[in-house]
Amino acid sequence: MIPLLLYRTVADHVLPWATAFATRMLARSLNMPEPLVHSTGDYVVARVIAFEHGVGRSLCPFRLARLVRACWRGRR
């Protein structure tokens, strides 16, 4: 029971505060307003997802490993 209460306390109170504090510190270090930091973060996440679904799929380690093995077998 106590671990569940501790988890809920951390999840409900500490995590939102830590996120807001980290955003505030990042905004101060970059000398930018906080809403601009939020919107820039959203833009970066969208670009990373677009990259992963586009070019990133062809750079998948398993696919690259298969290609290298196929080329290595073809040389022998």
C-alpha atoms as a PDB file:
ATOM      1  CA  MET A   1       0.000   0.000   0.000  1.00  0.00           C
ATOM      2  CA  ILE A   2       2.772   2.446   0.907  1.00  0.00           C
ATOM      3  CA  PRO A   3       4.699   1.958  -2.396  1.00  0.00           C
ATOM      4  CA  LEU A   4       1.489   2.663  -4.321  1.00  0.00           C
ATOM      5  CA  LEU A   5       0.941   5.878  -2.362  1.00  0.00           C
ATOM      6  CA  LEU A   6       4.557   6.884  -2.904  1.00  0.00           C
ATOM      7  CA  TYR A   7       4.264   6.207  -6.642  1.00  0.00           C
ATOM      8  CA  ARG A   8       1.083   8.263  -6.912  1.00  0.00           C
ATOM      9  CA  THR A   9       2.694  11.103  -4.977  1.00  0.00           C
ATOM     10  CA  VAL A  10       5.701  11.099  -7.296  1.00  0.00           C
ATOM     11  CA  ALA A  11       3.601  10.761 -10.436  1.00  0.00           C
ATOM     12  CA  ASP A  12       1.067  13.404  -9.432  1.00  0.00           C
ATOM     13  CA  HIS A  13       3.270  16.056  -7.855  1.00  0.00           C
ATOM     14  CA  VAL A  14       6.957  15.653  -8.518  1.00  0.00           C
ATOM     15  CA  LEU A  15       6.983  14.795 -12.241  1.00  0.00           C
ATOM     16  CA  PRO A  16       4.935  17.807 -13.430  1.00  0.00           C
ATOM     17  CA  TRP A  17       7.029  20.089 -11.244  1.00  0.00           C
ATOM     18  CA  ALA A  18      10.280  18.567 -12.578  1.00  0.00           C
ATOM     19  CA  THR A  19       9.110  18.922 -16.171  1.00  0.00           C
ATOM     20  CA  ALA A  20       8.132  22.551 -15.674  1.00  0.00           C
ATOM     21  CA  PHE A  21      11.420  23.256 -13.893  1.00  0.00           C
ATOM     22  CA  ALA A  22      13.473  21.627 -16.682  1.00  0.00           C
ATOM     23  CA  THR A  23      11.582  23.600 -19.335  1.00  0.00           C
ATOM     24  CA  ARG A  24      12.078  26.824 -17.408  1.00  0.00           C
ATOM     25  CA  MET A  25      15.810  26.189 -16.997  1.00  0.00           C
ATOM     26  CA  LEU A  26      16.219  25.299 -20.670  1.00  0.00           C
ATOM     27  CA  ALA A  27      14.365  28.456 -21.679  1.00  0.00           C
ATOM     28  CA  ARG A  28      16.575  30.571 -19.425  1.00  0.00           C
ATOM     29  CA  SER A  29      19.786  28.952 -20.701  1.00  0.00           C
ATOM     30  CA  LEU A  30      18.735  29.512 -24.327  1.00  0.00           C
ATOM     31  CA  ASN A  31      17.407  32.992 -23.512  1.00  0.00           C
ATOM     32  CA  MET A  32      14.031  32.121 -25.065  1.00  0.00           C
ATOM     33  CA  PRO A  33      10.468  32.411 -23.771  1.00  0.00           C
ATOM     34  CA  GLU A  34       8.963  29.171 -22.446  1.00  0.00           C
ATOM     35  CA  PRO A  35       6.163  28.918 -25.067  1.00  0.00           C
ATOM     36  CA  LEU A  36       8.795  29.096 -27.792  1.00  0.00           C
ATOM     37  CA  VAL A  37      10.704  26.250 -26.143  1.00  0.00           C
ATOM     38  CA  HIS A  38       7.491  24.182 -26.117  1.00  0.00           C
ATOM     39  CA  SER A  39       6.690  24.855 -29.769  1.00  0.00           C
ATOM     40  CA  THR A  40      10.286  24.216 -30.823  1.00  0.00           C
ATOM     41  CA  GLY A  41      10.208  20.906 -28.965  1.00  0.00           C
ATOM     42  CA  ASP A  42       6.994  19.931 -30.762  1.00  0.00           C
ATOM     43  CA  TYR A  43       8.591  20.818 -34.102  1.00  0.00           C
ATOM     44  CA  VAL A  44      11.709  18.755 -33.347  1.00  0.00           C
ATOM     45  CA  VAL A  45       9.608  15.740 -32.330  1.00  0.00           C
ATOM     46  CA  ALA A  46       7.587  16.002 -35.553  1.00  0.00           C
ATOM     47  CA  ARG A  47      10.754  16.204 -37.679  1.00  0.00           C
ATOM     48  CA  VAL A  48      12.335  13.209 -35.933  1.00  0.00           C
ATOM     49  CA  ILE A  49       9.211  11.117 -36.432  1.00  0.00           C
ATOM     50  CA  ALA A  50       9.088  12.101 -40.108  1.00  0.00           C
ATOM     51  CA  PHE A  51      12.754  11.144 -40.508  1.00  0.00           C
ATOM     52  CA  GLU A  52      12.272   7.809 -38.774  1.00  0.00           C
ATOM     53  CA  HIS A  53       9.335   6.929 -40.998  1.00  0.00           C
ATOM     54  CA  GLY A  54      11.099   8.074 -44.168  1.00  0.00           C
ATOM     55  CA  VAL A  55      14.844   7.649 -44.425  1.00  0.00           C
ATOM     56  CA  GLY A  56      15.217   6.070 -41.007  1.00  0.00           C
ATOM     57  CA  ARG A  57      13.535   2.845 -42.094  1.00  0.00           C
ATOM     58  CA  SER A  58      16.172   2.196 -44.711  1.00  0.00           C
ATOM     59  CA  LEU A  59      18.823   2.790 -42.037  1.00  0.00           C
ATOM     60  CA  CYS A  60      17.368   0.135 -39.750  1.00  0.00           C
ATOM     61  CA  PRO A  61      20.267  -1.848 -38.217  1.00  0.00           C
ATOM     62  CA  PHE A  62      18.674  -5.206 -39.048  1.00  0.00           C
ATOM     63  CA  ARG A  63      18.079  -4.248 -42.672  1.00  0.00           C
ATOM     64  CA  LEU A  64      21.620  -2.875 -42.984  1.00  0.00           C
ATOM     65  CA  ALA A  65      23.033  -6.045 -41.424  1.00  0.00           C
ATOM     66  CA  ARG A  66      21.149  -8.163 -43.979  1.00  0.00           C
ATOM     67  CA  LEU A  67      22.481  -6.028 -46.835  1.00  0.00           C
ATOM     68  CA  VAL A  68      26.056  -6.278 -45.586  1.00  0.00           C
ATOM     69  CA  ARG A  69      25.747 -10.058 -45.186  1.00  0.00           C
ATOM     70  CA  ALA A  70      24.299 -10.386 -48.694  1.00  0.00           C
ATOM     71  CA  CYS A  71      27.129  -8.320 -50.176  1.00  0.00           C
ATOM     72  CA  TRP A  72      29.702 -10.307 -48.174  1.00  0.00           C
ATOM     73  CA  ARG A  73      28.274 -13.618 -49.433  1.00  0.00           C
ATOM     74  CA  GLY A  74      28.205 -12.326 -53.013  1.00  0.00           C
ATOM     75  CA  ARG A  75      31.949 -11.629 -52.979  1.00  0.00           C
ATOM     76  CA  ARG A  76      32.930 -15.149 -52.002  1.00  0.00           C
END
